[in-house]
């Protein structure tokens, strides 16, 4: 017991300060600009391009989107197992996105 080597672990001490603000309005804007749906990882990448997925969780972003789901502004599409949200879709996409798709359909 006393003659064994202790386990050693490398500790990364080069941390950056975590400074980001999660806004429900910004999340809604991103979801509305993607009428086909968008997952939580892509929402985080859009709002915080320098987000470190290895050190931080997306929990705050999920909690910011939850009121939108409750107020039926956003539809949460669940995975097949029904345990996780696979994608967020807007209930009503933005007019700009609808118009952009309309122009694309006309010119095609």
C-alpha atoms as a PDB file:
ATOM      1  CA  UNK A   1       0.000   0.000   0.000  1.00  0.00           C
ATOM      2  CA  UNK A   2       2.702   2.507   0.946  1.00  0.00           C
ATOM      3  CA  UNK A   3       5.275   1.234  -1.549  1.00  0.00           C
ATOM      4  CA  UNK A   4       3.181   1.908  -4.708  1.00  0.00           C
ATOM      5  CA  UNK A   5       3.574   4.929  -6.936  1.00  0.00           C
ATOM      6  CA  UNK A   6       0.751   7.460  -6.718  1.00  0.00           C
ATOM      7  CA  UNK A   7      -1.333   8.067  -9.822  1.00  0.00           C
ATOM      8  CA  UNK A   8      -0.388  11.280 -11.564  1.00  0.00           C
ATOM      9  CA  UNK A   9      -2.694  13.388 -13.645  1.00  0.00           C
ATOM     10  CA  UNK A  10      -1.820  16.239 -15.927  1.00  0.00           C
ATOM     11  CA  UNK A  11      -3.653  19.405 -15.104  1.00  0.00           C
ATOM     12  CA  UNK A  12      -4.180  22.015 -17.785  1.00  0.00           C
ATOM     13  CA  UNK A  13      -3.627  25.389 -16.142  1.00  0.00           C
ATOM     14  CA  UNK A  14      -3.902  27.463 -19.310  1.00  0.00           C
ATOM     15  CA  UNK A  15      -7.539  28.392 -18.830  1.00  0.00           C
ATOM     16  CA  UNK A  16      -9.162  31.397 -20.414  1.00  0.00           C
ATOM     17  CA  UNK A  17     -11.730  33.498 -18.615  1.00  0.00           C
ATOM     18  CA  UNK A  18     -15.266  32.399 -19.348  1.00  0.00           C
ATOM     19  CA  UNK A  19     -17.236  35.430 -20.425  1.00  0.00           C
ATOM     20  CA  UNK A  20     -20.415  34.904 -22.395  1.00  0.00           C
ATOM     21  CA  UNK A  21     -24.004  35.993 -22.056  1.00  0.00           C
ATOM     22  CA  UNK A  22     -26.879  33.772 -23.114  1.00  0.00           C
ATOM     23  CA  UNK A  23     -29.915  35.625 -24.402  1.00  0.00           C
ATOM     24  CA  UNK A  24     -33.280  34.045 -25.154  1.00  0.00           C
ATOM     25  CA  UNK A  25     -33.883  36.640 -27.873  1.00  0.00           C
ATOM     26  CA  UNK A  26     -30.602  35.795 -29.606  1.00  0.00           C
ATOM     27  CA  UNK A  27     -31.411  32.086 -29.466  1.00  0.00           C
ATOM     28  CA  UNK A  28     -34.841  32.769 -30.991  1.00  0.00           C
ATOM     29  CA  UNK A  29     -33.260  34.824 -33.777  1.00  0.00           C
ATOM     30  CA  UNK A  30     -30.874  31.991 -34.667  1.00  0.00           C
ATOM     31  CA  UNK A  31     -33.642  29.383 -34.596  1.00  0.00           C
ATOM     32  CA  UNK A  32     -35.954  31.513 -36.744  1.00  0.00           C
ATOM     33  CA  UNK A  33     -33.199  31.958 -39.336  1.00  0.00           C
ATOM     34  CA  UNK A  34     -33.066  28.164 -39.717  1.00  0.00           C
ATOM     35  CA  UNK A  35     -36.596  27.096 -40.679  1.00  0.00           C
ATOM     36  CA  UNK A  36     -35.533  23.489 -41.339  1.00  0.00           C
ATOM     37  CA  UNK A  37     -34.292  23.169 -37.778  1.00  0.00           C
ATOM     38  CA  UNK A  38     -31.015  23.517 -35.914  1.00  0.00           C
ATOM     39  CA  UNK A  39     -29.449  21.566 -33.075  1.00  0.00           C
ATOM     40  CA  UNK A  40     -28.102  23.020 -29.850  1.00  0.00           C
ATOM     41  CA  UNK A  41     -24.452  22.663 -30.862  1.00  0.00           C
ATOM     42  CA  UNK A  42     -24.982  24.753 -33.988  1.00  0.00           C
ATOM     43  CA  UNK A  43     -26.870  27.391 -31.980  1.00  0.00           C
ATOM     44  CA  UNK A  44     -23.924  27.653 -29.592  1.00  0.00           C
ATOM     45  CA  UNK A  45     -21.430  27.824 -32.498  1.00  0.00           C
ATOM     46  CA  UNK A  46     -23.452  30.621 -34.095  1.00  0.00           C
ATOM     47  CA  UNK A  47     -23.800  32.700 -30.938  1.00  0.00           C
ATOM     48  CA  UNK A  48     -20.361  31.982 -29.406  1.00  0.00           C
ATOM     49  CA  UNK A  49     -17.811  31.054 -32.111  1.00  0.00           C
ATOM     50  CA  UNK A  50     -14.995  30.694 -29.543  1.00  0.00           C
ATOM     51  CA  UNK A  51     -17.016  28.413 -27.196  1.00  0.00           C
ATOM     52  CA  UNK A  52     -14.878  25.578 -25.787  1.00  0.00           C
ATOM     53  CA  UNK A  53     -16.995  22.413 -25.942  1.00  0.00           C
ATOM     54  CA  UNK A  54     -14.363  20.398 -24.051  1.00  0.00           C
ATOM     55  CA  UNK A  55     -14.441  22.534 -20.917  1.00  0.00           C
ATOM     56  CA  UNK A  56     -17.924  24.060 -20.858  1.00  0.00           C
ATOM     57  CA  UNK A  57     -21.435  22.683 -21.052  1.00  0.00           C
ATOM     58  CA  UNK A  58     -24.293  23.873 -23.238  1.00  0.00           C
ATOM     59  CA  UNK A  59     -26.672  23.771 -20.276  1.00  0.00           C
ATOM     60  CA  UNK A  60     -27.125  27.565 -20.111  1.00  0.00           C
ATOM     61  CA  UNK A  61     -28.109  27.690 -23.770  1.00  0.00           C
ATOM     62  CA  UNK A  62     -30.632  24.876 -23.298  1.00  0.00           C
ATOM     63  CA  UNK A  63     -32.111  26.719 -20.317  1.00  0.00           C
ATOM     64  CA  UNK A  64     -32.376  29.916 -22.401  1.00  0.00           C
ATOM     65  CA  UNK A  65     -34.301  28.049 -25.115  1.00  0.00           C
ATOM     66  CA  UNK A  66     -36.660  26.314 -22.676  1.00  0.00           C
ATOM     67  CA  UNK A  67     -38.993  29.357 -22.211  1.00  0.00           C
ATOM     68  CA  UNK A  68     -39.341  29.552 -25.998  1.00  0.00           C
ATOM     69  CA  UNK A  69     -40.494  25.930 -26.062  1.00  0.00           C
ATOM     70  CA  UNK A  70     -42.932  26.510 -23.202  1.00  0.00           C
ATOM     71  CA  UNK A  71     -44.357  29.629 -24.914  1.00  0.00           C
ATOM     72  CA  UNK A  72     -44.668  27.650 -28.184  1.00  0.00           C
ATOM     73  CA  UNK A  73     -42.415  29.948 -30.162  1.00  0.00           C
ATOM     74  CA  UNK A  74     -40.036  27.046 -30.824  1.00  0.00           C
ATOM     75  CA  UNK A  75     -40.773  23.373 -31.343  1.00  0.00           C
ATOM     76  CA  UNK A  76     -38.385  20.883 -29.724  1.00  0.00           C
ATOM     77  CA  UNK A  77     -38.032  17.704 -31.762  1.00  0.00           C
ATOM     78  CA  UNK A  78     -37.057  14.815 -29.523  1.00  0.00           C
ATOM     79  CA  UNK A  79     -34.786  11.910 -30.412  1.00  0.00           C
ATOM     80  CA  UNK A  80     -36.202   8.437 -31.065  1.00  0.00           C
ATOM     81  CA  UNK A  81     -35.638   7.453 -27.446  1.00  0.00           C
ATOM     82  CA  UNK A  82     -37.484  10.564 -26.263  1.00  0.00           C
ATOM     83  CA  UNK A  83     -34.782  11.537 -23.782  1.00  0.00           C
ATOM     84  CA  UNK A  84     -32.938  14.297 -25.619  1.00  0.00           C
ATOM     85  CA  UNK A  85     -33.844  17.203 -27.840  1.00  0.00           C
ATOM     86  CA  UNK A  86     -32.473  16.480 -31.280  1.00  0.00           C
ATOM     87  CA  UNK A  87     -33.440  19.700 -33.046  1.00  0.00           C
ATOM     88  CA  UNK A  88     -35.197  23.017 -32.515  1.00  0.00           C
ATOM     89  CA  UNK A  89     -37.549  24.320 -35.199  1.00  0.00           C
ATOM     90  CA  UNK A  90     -39.330  27.659 -35.274  1.00  0.00           C
ATOM     91  CA  UNK A  91     -43.092  27.517 -35.091  1.00  0.00           C
ATOM     92  CA  UNK A  92     -43.201  30.606 -37.296  1.00  0.00           C
ATOM     93  CA  UNK A  93     -40.079  31.288 -39.389  1.00  0.00           C
ATOM     94  CA  UNK A  94     -38.944  34.858 -39.955  1.00  0.00           C
ATOM     95  CA  UNK A  95     -40.411  36.777 -42.892  1.00  0.00           C
ATOM     96  CA  UNK A  96     -36.944  37.406 -44.285  1.00  0.00           C
ATOM     97  CA  UNK A  97     -36.256  33.673 -44.510  1.00  0.00           C
ATOM     98  CA  UNK A  98     -39.639  33.005 -46.124  1.00  0.00           C
ATOM     99  CA  UNK A  99     -39.038  35.776 -48.680  1.00  0.00           C
ATOM    100  CA  UNK A 100     -35.536  34.470 -49.425  1.00  0.00           C
ATOM    101  CA  UNK A 101     -36.947  30.999 -50.101  1.00  0.00           C
ATOM    102  CA  UNK A 102     -39.685  32.503 -52.262  1.00  0.00           C
ATOM    103  CA  UNK A 103     -37.137  34.346 -54.432  1.00  0.00           C
ATOM    104  CA  UNK A 104     -35.035  31.185 -54.673  1.00  0.00           C
ATOM    105  CA  UNK A 105     -38.061  29.193 -55.857  1.00  0.00           C
ATOM    106  CA  UNK A 106     -38.988  31.807 -58.473  1.00  0.00           C
ATOM    107  CA  UNK A 107     -35.515  32.030 -59.968  1.00  0.00           C
ATOM    108  CA  UNK A 108     -35.052  28.242 -60.086  1.00  0.00           C
END
